[in-house]
Protein backbone atom coordinates (compact mmCIF):
# COMPACT_ATOMS: atom_id res chain seq x y z
CA MET A 1 -29.39 63.39 13.16
CA SER A 2 -31.10 61.44 10.32
CA SER A 3 -29.96 61.88 6.75
CA ASP A 4 -33.17 63.56 5.64
CA LYS A 5 -32.77 66.17 8.37
CA SER A 6 -29.17 66.68 7.25
CA SER A 7 -30.41 67.32 3.71
CA LEU A 8 -33.08 69.67 5.01
CA ARG A 9 -30.53 71.58 7.03
CA VAL A 10 -28.32 72.10 3.96
CA VAL A 11 -31.30 73.35 1.96
CA THR A 12 -32.45 75.58 4.83
CA ASN A 13 -29.02 77.11 5.46
CA GLY A 14 -28.65 78.01 1.81
CA ALA A 15 -32.20 79.30 1.58
CA VAL A 16 -31.79 81.49 4.67
CA ILE A 17 -28.60 83.09 3.32
CA PHE A 18 -30.23 83.59 -0.06
CA PHE A 19 -33.40 84.95 1.54
CA LEU A 20 -31.47 87.51 3.60
CA GLY A 21 -29.59 88.67 0.52
CA LYS A 22 -32.76 88.85 -1.53
CA GLY A 23 -34.43 90.73 1.32
CA VAL A 24 -31.83 93.48 0.98
CA SER A 25 -32.05 93.35 -2.82
CA ASN A 26 -35.85 93.54 -2.90
CA ALA A 27 -35.97 96.32 -0.31
CA THR A 28 -33.54 98.46 -2.31
CA GLN A 29 -35.37 97.58 -5.54
CA PHE A 30 -38.67 98.64 -3.96
CA LEU A 31 -37.15 101.94 -2.82
CA LEU A 32 -35.57 102.47 -6.23
CA GLN A 33 -38.89 101.95 -8.02
CA LEU A 34 -40.65 104.16 -5.51
CA LEU A 35 -38.05 106.88 -6.04
CA LEU A 36 -38.30 106.70 -9.82
CA THR A 37 -42.09 106.53 -10.09
CA ARG A 38 -42.67 109.36 -7.62
CA THR A 39 -40.01 111.53 -9.29
CA VAL A 40 -40.29 110.93 -13.04
CA GLY A 41 -43.80 109.41 -13.33
CA ALA A 42 -45.30 106.28 -14.83
CA ALA A 43 -44.39 107.02 -18.46
CA SER A 44 -40.68 107.63 -17.83
CA PHE A 45 -40.53 104.69 -15.46
CA GLY A 46 -42.09 102.59 -18.22
CA VAL A 47 -39.28 103.67 -20.54
CA TYR A 48 -36.69 102.69 -17.92
CA SER A 49 -38.38 99.36 -17.14
CA TYR A 50 -38.76 98.41 -20.80
CA ALA A 51 -35.12 99.22 -21.52
CA MET A 52 -34.14 96.99 -18.57
CA THR A 53 -36.24 94.18 -20.04
CA ILE A 54 -34.50 94.56 -23.41
CA LEU A 55 -31.16 94.55 -21.60
CA SER A 56 -31.99 91.29 -19.80
CA VAL A 57 -32.97 89.64 -23.09
CA VAL A 58 -29.79 90.75 -24.87
CA GLY A 59 -27.78 89.72 -21.81
CA VAL A 60 -28.78 86.08 -22.25
CA PHE A 61 -27.01 85.99 -25.62
CA ALA A 62 -24.14 88.19 -24.46
CA ARG A 63 -23.29 85.79 -21.60
CA LEU A 64 -23.32 82.69 -23.86
CA GLY A 65 -24.00 80.36 -20.94
CA VAL A 66 -21.08 81.60 -18.83
CA THR A 67 -22.99 81.21 -15.55
CA GLU A 68 -23.76 77.52 -15.96
CA SER A 69 -20.41 76.78 -17.61
CA ILE A 70 -18.42 78.17 -14.70
CA MET A 71 -20.66 76.23 -12.31
CA ARG A 72 -19.84 73.01 -14.16
CA PHE A 73 -16.15 73.25 -15.04
CA VAL A 74 -14.78 74.81 -11.84
CA PRO A 75 -15.91 71.91 -9.58
CA GLU A 76 -15.13 69.32 -12.28
CA PHE A 77 -11.45 70.33 -12.42
CA GLU A 78 -10.99 71.04 -8.74
CA ASP A 79 -7.95 68.74 -8.65
CA ASP A 80 -6.42 70.18 -11.83
CA LYS A 81 -5.91 73.89 -11.22
CA LYS A 82 -4.33 74.55 -14.61
CA ALA A 83 -7.25 73.04 -16.50
CA GLN A 84 -9.64 74.84 -14.16
CA GLY A 85 -7.90 78.12 -14.90
CA ARG A 86 -8.12 77.53 -18.64
CA TYR A 87 -11.88 76.94 -18.50
CA VAL A 88 -12.38 80.05 -16.36
CA THR A 89 -10.30 81.99 -18.88
CA ILE A 90 -12.47 80.73 -21.75
CA ALA A 91 -15.60 81.68 -19.80
CA PHE A 92 -14.45 85.22 -19.05
CA CYS A 93 -13.09 85.85 -22.54
CA THR A 94 -16.33 84.58 -24.05
CA SER A 95 -18.48 86.78 -21.84
CA ILE A 96 -16.33 89.86 -22.44
CA VAL A 97 -16.24 89.46 -26.22
CA GLY A 98 -19.91 88.43 -26.38
CA SER A 99 -21.04 91.37 -24.27
CA LEU A 100 -19.00 93.87 -26.28
CA LEU A 101 -20.50 92.61 -29.55
CA ALA A 102 -24.00 92.63 -28.09
CA SER A 103 -23.39 96.11 -26.71
CA LEU A 104 -22.37 97.45 -30.13
CA ILE A 105 -25.41 95.88 -31.81
CA LEU A 106 -27.80 97.22 -29.15
CA PHE A 107 -26.24 100.69 -29.34
CA HIS A 108 -26.47 100.74 -33.13
CA GLN A 109 -30.03 99.37 -33.29
CA ALA A 110 -31.51 101.52 -30.48
CA ASP A 111 -33.50 103.71 -32.87
CA ASN A 112 -34.92 100.71 -34.75
CA ILE A 113 -35.90 98.94 -31.52
CA SER A 114 -37.60 102.12 -30.33
CA ALA A 115 -39.47 102.51 -33.62
CA TYR A 116 -40.90 98.98 -33.39
CA THR A 117 -41.82 99.21 -29.70
CA LEU A 118 -42.42 102.36 -27.62
CA ASP A 119 -41.55 104.70 -30.50
CA ASN A 120 -40.04 107.18 -28.07
CA PRO A 121 -36.77 109.05 -28.73
CA VAL A 122 -36.03 109.08 -25.00
CA PHE A 123 -36.28 105.28 -25.02
CA ALA A 124 -33.63 105.09 -27.75
CA ASP A 125 -31.26 107.24 -25.66
CA VAL A 126 -31.85 105.09 -22.56
CA LEU A 127 -31.17 101.94 -24.62
CA ARG A 128 -27.84 103.36 -25.79
CA ILE A 129 -26.85 104.10 -22.19
CA PHE A 130 -27.80 100.56 -21.15
CA ALA A 131 -25.80 99.22 -24.11
CA ILE A 132 -22.75 100.81 -22.47
CA LEU A 133 -23.77 99.21 -19.16
CA LEU A 134 -24.07 95.70 -20.65
CA PRO A 135 -20.36 94.63 -20.65
CA PHE A 136 -19.94 95.75 -17.02
CA GLN A 137 -23.13 93.92 -16.02
CA VAL A 138 -22.08 90.68 -17.73
CA LEU A 139 -18.59 90.87 -16.18
CA THR A 140 -20.10 91.35 -12.71
CA GLN A 141 -22.41 88.38 -13.24
CA ALA A 142 -19.49 86.20 -14.34
CA ILE A 143 -17.52 87.22 -11.25
CA TYR A 144 -20.21 86.54 -8.66
CA ASN A 145 -21.02 83.19 -10.26
CA THR A 146 -17.31 82.34 -10.08
CA PHE A 147 -17.53 82.87 -6.32
CA ARG A 148 -20.52 80.52 -6.28
CA ALA A 149 -18.63 77.90 -8.30
CA PHE A 150 -15.78 78.05 -5.77
CA GLU A 151 -18.40 77.49 -3.01
CA ASP A 152 -18.04 80.99 -1.58
CA ALA A 153 -21.70 82.00 -1.74
CA LYS A 154 -21.37 84.91 0.68
CA TYR A 155 -19.46 86.98 -1.87
CA GLN A 156 -21.88 86.00 -4.61
CA ILE A 157 -24.79 87.21 -2.50
CA PHE A 158 -22.89 90.32 -1.37
CA ILE A 159 -22.16 91.41 -4.95
CA ARG A 160 -25.51 90.46 -6.49
CA ASP A 161 -27.93 91.33 -3.70
CA VAL A 162 -26.15 94.03 -1.70
CA LEU A 163 -23.43 95.82 -3.67
CA VAL A 164 -25.20 96.22 -7.03
CA PRO A 165 -28.62 97.29 -5.67
CA ILE A 166 -27.14 99.75 -3.16
CA LEU A 167 -24.85 101.32 -5.77
CA ASN A 168 -27.87 101.64 -8.08
CA ILE A 169 -30.09 103.39 -5.58
CA LEU A 170 -27.32 105.71 -4.36
CA SER A 171 -26.36 106.70 -7.91
CA ILE A 172 -29.94 107.25 -9.04
CA GLY A 173 -30.82 109.08 -5.82
CA ILE A 174 -27.96 111.53 -6.30
CA ALA A 175 -28.83 112.02 -9.97
CA LEU A 176 -32.50 112.72 -9.24
CA PHE A 177 -31.57 115.03 -6.37
CA LEU A 178 -29.48 117.04 -8.82
CA GLY A 179 -32.51 117.33 -11.11
CA ALA A 180 -31.77 114.60 -13.64
CA THR A 181 -34.40 113.21 -16.00
CA ILE A 182 -34.79 109.49 -16.74
CA ILE A 183 -31.82 109.77 -19.12
CA GLY A 184 -29.62 111.07 -16.31
CA ALA A 185 -30.95 108.37 -13.96
CA SER A 186 -30.08 105.72 -16.58
CA ALA A 187 -26.57 107.15 -16.89
CA ALA A 188 -26.29 106.88 -13.10
CA VAL A 189 -27.17 103.17 -13.34
CA ALA A 190 -24.44 102.70 -15.95
CA PHE A 191 -21.93 104.43 -13.66
CA ALA A 192 -23.04 102.19 -10.77
CA GLY A 193 -22.50 99.18 -13.05
CA LEU A 194 -18.94 100.30 -13.75
CA LEU A 195 -18.24 100.68 -10.01
CA ALA A 196 -19.77 97.27 -9.26
CA ALA A 197 -17.62 95.60 -11.92
CA VAL A 198 -14.42 97.20 -10.59
CA ILE A 199 -15.17 96.32 -6.96
CA SER A 200 -16.16 92.76 -7.90
CA LEU A 201 -12.97 92.30 -9.91
CA VAL A 202 -10.86 93.47 -6.96
CA LEU A 203 -12.68 91.05 -4.63
CA LEU A 204 -12.16 88.18 -7.06
CA ALA A 205 -8.43 88.91 -7.34
CA GLN A 206 -8.08 89.09 -3.55
CA LYS A 207 -10.22 86.13 -2.50
CA ILE A 208 -9.76 83.45 -5.15
CA ASN A 209 -6.58 82.16 -6.69
CA ILE A 210 -7.30 81.39 -10.35
CA ASP A 211 -4.55 80.18 -12.67
CA ILE A 212 -5.41 82.34 -15.67
CA ASN A 213 -4.12 80.59 -18.77
CA VAL A 214 -4.83 81.42 -22.41
CA ASN A 215 -3.01 78.33 -23.71
CA THR A 216 -6.14 76.29 -24.29
CA ASP A 217 -6.40 73.47 -26.79
CA ARG A 218 -9.15 72.77 -29.29
CA ASN A 219 -10.64 69.97 -27.23
CA GLU A 220 -11.17 72.26 -24.23
CA ILE A 221 -12.69 74.97 -26.40
CA TYR A 222 -15.00 72.44 -28.05
CA THR A 223 -16.00 70.97 -24.67
CA TYR A 224 -16.78 74.40 -23.29
CA TYR A 225 -18.91 75.61 -26.21
CA ASN A 226 -20.57 72.23 -26.65
CA PHE A 227 -21.90 72.81 -23.15
CA SER A 228 -22.52 76.57 -23.18
CA VAL A 229 -24.16 77.07 -26.58
CA PRO A 230 -27.07 74.63 -26.01
CA LEU A 231 -27.62 76.26 -22.61
CA THR A 232 -27.83 79.64 -24.30
CA LEU A 233 -30.48 78.30 -26.67
CA THR A 234 -32.39 76.81 -23.74
CA ALA A 235 -32.21 80.13 -21.92
CA ALA A 236 -33.46 81.83 -25.05
CA GLY A 237 -36.46 79.52 -24.98
CA SER A 238 -37.16 80.44 -21.39
CA LEU A 239 -37.36 84.08 -22.45
CA LEU A 240 -40.65 83.20 -24.11
CA TYR A 241 -42.33 82.95 -20.73
CA THR A 242 -40.17 85.15 -18.50
CA ASN A 243 -40.17 88.34 -20.57
CA VAL A 244 -42.52 87.95 -23.52
CA ASP A 245 -45.48 89.54 -21.74
CA ARG A 246 -43.50 92.69 -20.92
CA LEU A 247 -42.07 92.87 -24.42
CA MET A 248 -45.52 92.50 -25.98
CA VAL A 249 -47.08 95.08 -23.65
CA GLY A 250 -44.46 97.55 -24.89
CA TYR A 251 -44.99 96.53 -28.52
CA PHE A 252 -48.81 96.76 -28.53
CA LEU A 253 -49.44 99.40 -25.85
CA GLY A 254 -47.24 102.20 -24.47
CA ASP A 255 -44.76 103.39 -21.86
CA VAL A 256 -47.37 104.11 -19.14
CA GLU A 257 -48.81 100.60 -19.42
CA VAL A 258 -45.31 99.11 -19.32
CA GLY A 259 -44.56 101.01 -16.10
CA ILE A 260 -47.78 99.96 -14.37
CA TYR A 261 -47.35 96.35 -15.48
CA ALA A 262 -43.72 96.20 -14.31
CA ILE A 263 -44.54 97.47 -10.82
CA SER A 264 -47.48 95.07 -10.43
CA ILE A 265 -45.62 91.96 -11.53
CA GLY A 266 -42.55 92.92 -9.49
CA LEU A 267 -44.53 93.21 -6.27
CA ALA A 268 -46.28 89.87 -6.85
CA THR A 269 -43.04 88.07 -7.68
CA ALA A 270 -41.56 89.08 -4.32
CA THR A 271 -44.10 86.87 -2.52
CA GLY A 272 -42.45 83.76 -4.03
CA LEU A 273 -38.98 84.43 -2.62
CA ALA A 274 -39.08 81.42 -0.28
CA LEU A 275 -39.27 78.90 -3.11
CA THR A 276 -36.61 80.78 -5.06
CA GLY A 277 -34.32 80.50 -2.04
CA ILE A 278 -35.04 76.79 -1.59
CA ASN A 279 -34.29 76.20 -5.27
CA GLN A 280 -30.74 77.48 -4.77
CA LEU A 281 -29.73 74.39 -2.78
CA PHE A 282 -32.40 71.79 -3.50
CA PRO A 283 -31.29 70.57 -7.00
CA PRO A 284 -27.86 69.07 -6.05
CA ILE A 285 -29.36 67.44 -2.96
CA ALA A 286 -32.26 66.00 -4.96
CA SER A 287 -29.80 64.70 -7.59
CA LYS A 288 -27.62 63.03 -4.96
CA LEU A 289 -30.54 61.37 -3.15
CA HIS A 290 -32.04 60.17 -6.45
CA THR A 291 -28.69 58.73 -7.59
CA GLN A 292 -28.27 56.93 -4.26
CA GLY A 293 -31.77 55.49 -4.48
CA GLU A 294 -32.92 57.29 -1.32
CA ARG A 295 -36.48 57.74 -2.58
CA LYS A 296 -38.13 57.91 0.84
CA GLU A 297 -35.74 60.58 2.08
CA LEU A 298 -36.08 62.53 -1.17
CA ASN A 299 -39.87 62.50 -0.89
CA ASN A 300 -39.64 63.61 2.77
CA VAL A 301 -37.40 66.53 1.82
CA PHE A 302 -39.68 67.36 -1.12
CA GLN A 303 -42.75 67.40 1.13
CA THR A 304 -41.10 69.49 3.81
CA VAL A 305 -39.63 72.21 1.57
CA THR A 306 -42.90 72.43 -0.40
CA ARG A 307 -44.82 73.03 2.82
CA TRP A 308 -42.25 75.63 3.88
CA SER A 309 -42.40 77.50 0.57
CA PHE A 310 -46.21 77.51 0.60
CA THR A 311 -46.44 78.59 4.25
CA ILE A 312 -43.97 81.44 3.86
CA CYS A 313 -45.48 82.61 0.56
CA LEU A 314 -49.09 82.65 1.74
CA LEU A 315 -48.78 85.43 4.35
CA PRO A 316 -47.28 88.15 2.09
CA ALA A 317 -49.58 87.02 -0.74
CA VAL A 318 -52.69 87.48 1.41
CA LEU A 319 -51.54 90.84 2.76
CA LEU A 320 -50.49 92.13 -0.65
CA TYR A 321 -53.86 91.17 -2.11
CA VAL A 322 -55.84 92.78 0.73
CA TYR A 323 -53.85 96.05 0.60
CA ARG A 324 -53.12 96.02 -3.13
CA PHE A 325 -54.69 99.42 -3.83
CA GLU A 326 -52.81 101.11 -1.00
CA VAL A 327 -49.48 99.50 -1.96
CA LEU A 328 -49.82 100.43 -5.64
CA ALA A 329 -50.87 103.98 -4.74
CA LEU A 330 -47.48 104.44 -3.05
CA PHE A 331 -45.95 104.59 -6.53
CA GLY A 332 -48.51 107.11 -7.79
CA PRO A 333 -52.28 107.24 -8.31
CA GLU A 334 -52.06 105.91 -11.89
CA PHE A 335 -50.50 102.65 -10.68
CA THR A 336 -53.73 101.52 -8.97
CA ALA A 337 -54.88 100.55 -12.47
CA GLY A 338 -52.61 97.52 -12.06
CA SER A 339 -54.58 96.05 -9.14
CA LEU A 340 -56.03 93.21 -11.23
CA VAL A 341 -52.60 92.47 -12.74
CA LEU A 342 -51.17 92.29 -9.24
CA SER A 343 -54.00 90.01 -8.05
CA LEU A 344 -53.55 87.57 -10.94
CA PHE A 345 -49.81 87.25 -10.42
CA VAL A 346 -50.25 86.82 -6.66
CA VAL A 347 -52.45 83.81 -7.40
CA ALA A 348 -49.83 82.50 -9.86
CA GLN A 349 -47.06 82.86 -7.25
CA VAL A 350 -49.12 81.05 -4.61
CA THR A 351 -49.70 78.22 -7.10
CA ARG A 352 -45.98 78.09 -7.89
CA SER A 353 -45.06 77.95 -4.22
CA ALA A 354 -47.74 75.35 -3.51
CA VAL A 355 -46.18 72.83 -5.90
CA GLY A 356 -42.69 73.43 -4.50
CA PRO A 357 -39.55 72.54 -6.46
CA SER A 358 -41.45 70.10 -8.71
CA GLY A 359 -39.58 71.28 -11.80
CA TYR A 360 -36.23 70.49 -10.23
CA MET A 361 -37.59 67.14 -9.02
CA LEU A 362 -38.32 66.25 -12.64
CA MET A 363 -34.93 67.48 -13.83
CA MET A 364 -32.88 65.81 -11.11
CA SER A 365 -34.72 62.48 -11.50
CA GLY A 366 -33.74 62.22 -15.17
CA HIS A 367 -36.79 63.74 -16.89
CA GLN A 368 -35.04 66.70 -18.48
CA TYR A 369 -36.99 66.27 -21.71
CA VAL A 370 -40.25 66.61 -19.80
CA VAL A 371 -38.84 69.83 -18.34
CA LEU A 372 -37.90 70.96 -21.85
CA PHE A 373 -41.45 70.22 -23.07
CA ASN A 374 -42.92 72.17 -20.14
CA ARG A 375 -40.69 75.14 -20.83
CA TRP A 376 -41.49 75.34 -24.52
CA PHE A 377 -45.17 74.58 -23.99
CA LEU A 378 -45.35 77.40 -21.48
CA GLY A 379 -43.35 79.71 -23.75
CA VAL A 380 -45.37 79.12 -26.92
CA SER A 381 -48.68 79.16 -25.04
CA ASN A 382 -47.69 82.40 -23.39
CA VAL A 383 -46.85 84.07 -26.70
CA VAL A 384 -50.11 82.99 -28.33
CA ALA A 385 -52.25 83.85 -25.29
CA ASN A 386 -50.56 87.24 -24.85
CA TYR A 387 -51.11 88.13 -28.50
CA ILE A 388 -54.81 87.26 -28.37
CA LEU A 389 -55.59 88.80 -24.98
CA ILE A 390 -53.48 91.97 -25.17
CA ILE A 391 -55.27 93.03 -28.34
CA ARG A 392 -58.62 92.52 -26.61
CA TYR A 393 -57.95 93.51 -22.98
CA GLY A 394 -54.70 95.50 -22.93
CA PHE A 395 -52.18 94.82 -20.18
CA ILE A 396 -54.89 93.03 -18.17
CA GLY A 397 -54.91 90.50 -21.01
CA ALA A 398 -51.14 90.08 -20.68
CA ALA A 399 -51.55 89.35 -16.97
CA ILE A 400 -54.33 86.83 -17.59
CA ALA A 401 -52.26 85.03 -20.22
CA SER A 402 -48.99 84.93 -18.27
CA ALA A 403 -50.47 84.14 -14.85
CA LEU A 404 -52.68 81.40 -16.27
CA THR A 405 -49.91 79.70 -18.24
CA LEU A 406 -47.58 79.89 -15.22
CA ALA A 407 -50.22 78.27 -12.98
CA VAL A 408 -51.06 75.57 -15.56
CA VAL A 409 -47.43 74.54 -16.12
CA ASN A 410 -46.84 74.30 -12.37
CA LEU A 411 -49.84 72.00 -12.11
CA PHE A 412 -48.38 70.00 -15.03
CA ARG A 413 -45.15 69.56 -13.07
CA LEU A 414 -47.05 68.35 -10.04
CA ILE A 415 -48.96 65.74 -12.02
CA GLU A 416 -45.88 64.66 -13.99
CA ILE A 417 -43.67 64.04 -10.96
CA TRP A 418 -46.46 61.98 -9.39
CA LEU A 419 -47.16 59.90 -12.51
CA LEU A 420 -43.50 59.40 -13.51
CA GLU A 421 -41.85 58.94 -10.10
CA GLY A 422 -44.66 58.56 -7.58
CA TYR A 423 -43.54 61.59 -5.54
CA ASN A 424 -46.22 63.56 -3.71
CA PRO A 425 -45.37 66.88 -2.04
CA TYR A 426 -48.43 66.98 0.21
CA THR A 427 -49.21 65.67 3.67
CA PRO A 428 -52.11 66.55 6.01
CA LYS A 429 -49.79 69.16 7.56
CA VAL A 430 -50.46 71.47 4.59
CA ILE A 431 -53.92 72.12 6.06
CA LYS A 432 -52.32 74.35 8.73
CA PRO A 433 -51.16 77.17 6.44
CA ILE A 434 -54.39 76.92 4.43
CA ALA A 435 -56.47 77.39 7.59
CA ALA A 436 -54.19 80.18 8.83
CA GLY A 437 -54.34 81.90 5.44
CA LEU A 438 -58.14 81.81 5.26
CA VAL A 439 -58.53 83.22 8.78
CA ALA A 440 -55.84 85.87 8.19
CA TYR A 441 -57.49 86.91 4.94
CA SER A 442 -60.95 87.23 6.53
CA LEU A 443 -59.69 89.18 9.52
CA SER A 444 -57.43 91.36 7.34
CA MET A 445 -60.41 92.38 5.21
CA LEU A 446 -62.34 93.31 8.37
CA VAL A 447 -59.34 95.18 9.79
CA ARG A 448 -58.84 97.08 6.54
CA THR A 449 -62.49 98.15 6.53
CA GLY A 450 -62.33 99.15 10.22
CA LEU A 451 -59.07 101.08 9.96
CA SER A 452 -60.21 102.85 6.78
CA SER A 453 -63.48 103.92 8.43
CA ASN A 454 -61.42 105.45 11.24
CA GLY A 455 -59.47 107.64 8.85
CA LEU A 456 -56.32 105.57 8.36
CA SER A 457 -54.96 105.42 4.81
CA GLY A 458 -51.80 105.03 2.78
CA ILE A 459 -48.61 103.79 4.41
CA VAL A 460 -50.06 103.97 7.93
CA LEU A 461 -52.94 101.69 6.96
CA ILE A 462 -50.54 99.26 5.26
CA ILE A 463 -48.24 99.07 8.30
CA PHE A 464 -51.00 98.61 10.87
CA GLY A 465 -52.90 96.15 8.70
CA CYS A 466 -49.86 94.05 7.83
CA VAL A 467 -48.66 93.88 11.44
CA ILE A 468 -52.08 92.70 12.61
CA GLY A 469 -52.36 90.22 9.73
CA ALA A 470 -48.90 88.81 10.38
CA ILE A 471 -49.61 88.38 14.10
CA VAL A 472 -52.87 86.56 13.37
CA TYR A 473 -51.32 84.27 10.74
CA THR A 474 -48.31 83.41 12.92
CA ALA A 475 -50.47 82.85 16.00
CA ILE A 476 -52.69 80.40 14.13
CA ILE A 477 -49.69 78.50 12.76
CA PHE A 478 -48.25 78.15 16.26
CA SER A 479 -51.60 77.30 17.85
CA LEU A 480 -52.06 74.43 15.38
CA GLY A 481 -48.68 73.08 16.43
CA ILE A 482 -45.14 73.24 15.03
CA ASP A 483 -43.85 70.06 13.44
CA ASN A 484 -40.98 68.40 15.34
CA LYS A 485 -38.87 68.32 12.19
CA ASP A 486 -39.32 72.06 11.72
CA ARG A 487 -38.50 72.73 15.36
CA LYS A 488 -35.27 70.72 15.19
CA ILE A 489 -34.12 72.46 12.02
CA TYR A 490 -34.87 75.84 13.60
CA ASN A 491 -32.94 74.98 16.78
CA GLU A 492 -29.92 73.83 14.77
CA LEU A 493 -29.89 76.99 12.69
CA LYS A 494 -30.23 79.12 15.80
CA GLY A 495 -27.43 77.20 17.50
């Protein structure tokens, strides 16, 4: 087997495992959101969603770069278990202390945060509950990333994508069944977080032998924080484009708008799972090939995974766009107001998938400062655009600003990697998914009209329409011919 196929197989294996885990995670997340919106309504769900956004922002500072630090120092000191244990000890102590401090600040400032955003006393109570959840959440994240650092991805995926989501939905389901409000449901999430942390800690103790050692010297502490603190600041910069739109919707608008916006963007983001899975394994392979001077192989891998991410993304994107009103109505009639938000982010996700892992290509080929520029350009542009457009168009303005800046920066990455390194992710083979997508879209629109005129609606219409659309799309892809490289990778995975 050629080296480029070996690289593709590594990427594909990792992406498949990730995709399966994320499939479970997204399914439970979808059911959880459906349960909450149908039970407590858009306004209370908006409170819950906004509190989760605040929690994710605070969590970046609470972790202090523990995820990336563990990923670096565990492999680096593989042959020195004592040093490895000391760095893991620093990482866990840092995350525990950092999360406890952040938790106290969040708990104490809940009323002030509520006053400057949703101005809702229920929101302040939910924030306090999530402040209690924060240390358990950070500990769980540190544990499953430790499994990843020790190259045991199955436990990472089990904890992150199976254990935590299932505990969440079971806890919330029981709480709502017993008549709880959104405050009770939030308390159930905190309880689920405690259980997840305990179970994860037991798994870590059983599966990985870590030489815990608090006798660290100044040089090790300096080395650790010299790496983790800049990463925390970089992550803080990325918050400008990953969460700023949601934060500003809550600041300028209200809880109902936050809930509608969160559901719409969450559904659209799920269509880009293929590229997210590919990105789990692509960076180290790209770095190795670039270091070895294997430019032709790297470009082949880049072209293949880009075509895969685009092909896999296009089908759910088309179907979600065609049946957007029906899908949003599942969460409640008020959520159909987010149809334009959903449409804009679907387009942004298709654009992201169409340029493939271009950002990682830039980073792994030594252009980290270009990546830094892109990130801050996107972040600042997103803040400015959101401010201008939210005031004028409400949460539709937030969607326009965020989707447009996301699409523009992805196009920047594409142009930059071509100008700086000469890499091009496209071959004539990309015409196949484009043709299949256009035909599937046209037929899906006709099918939707026909099924609706015959009295089908809601979930039944979605199921029938999506099955027909998927069959058409897949049939066209196969009729246009499957690439030999794709066939070989598939046969190896199956074998």
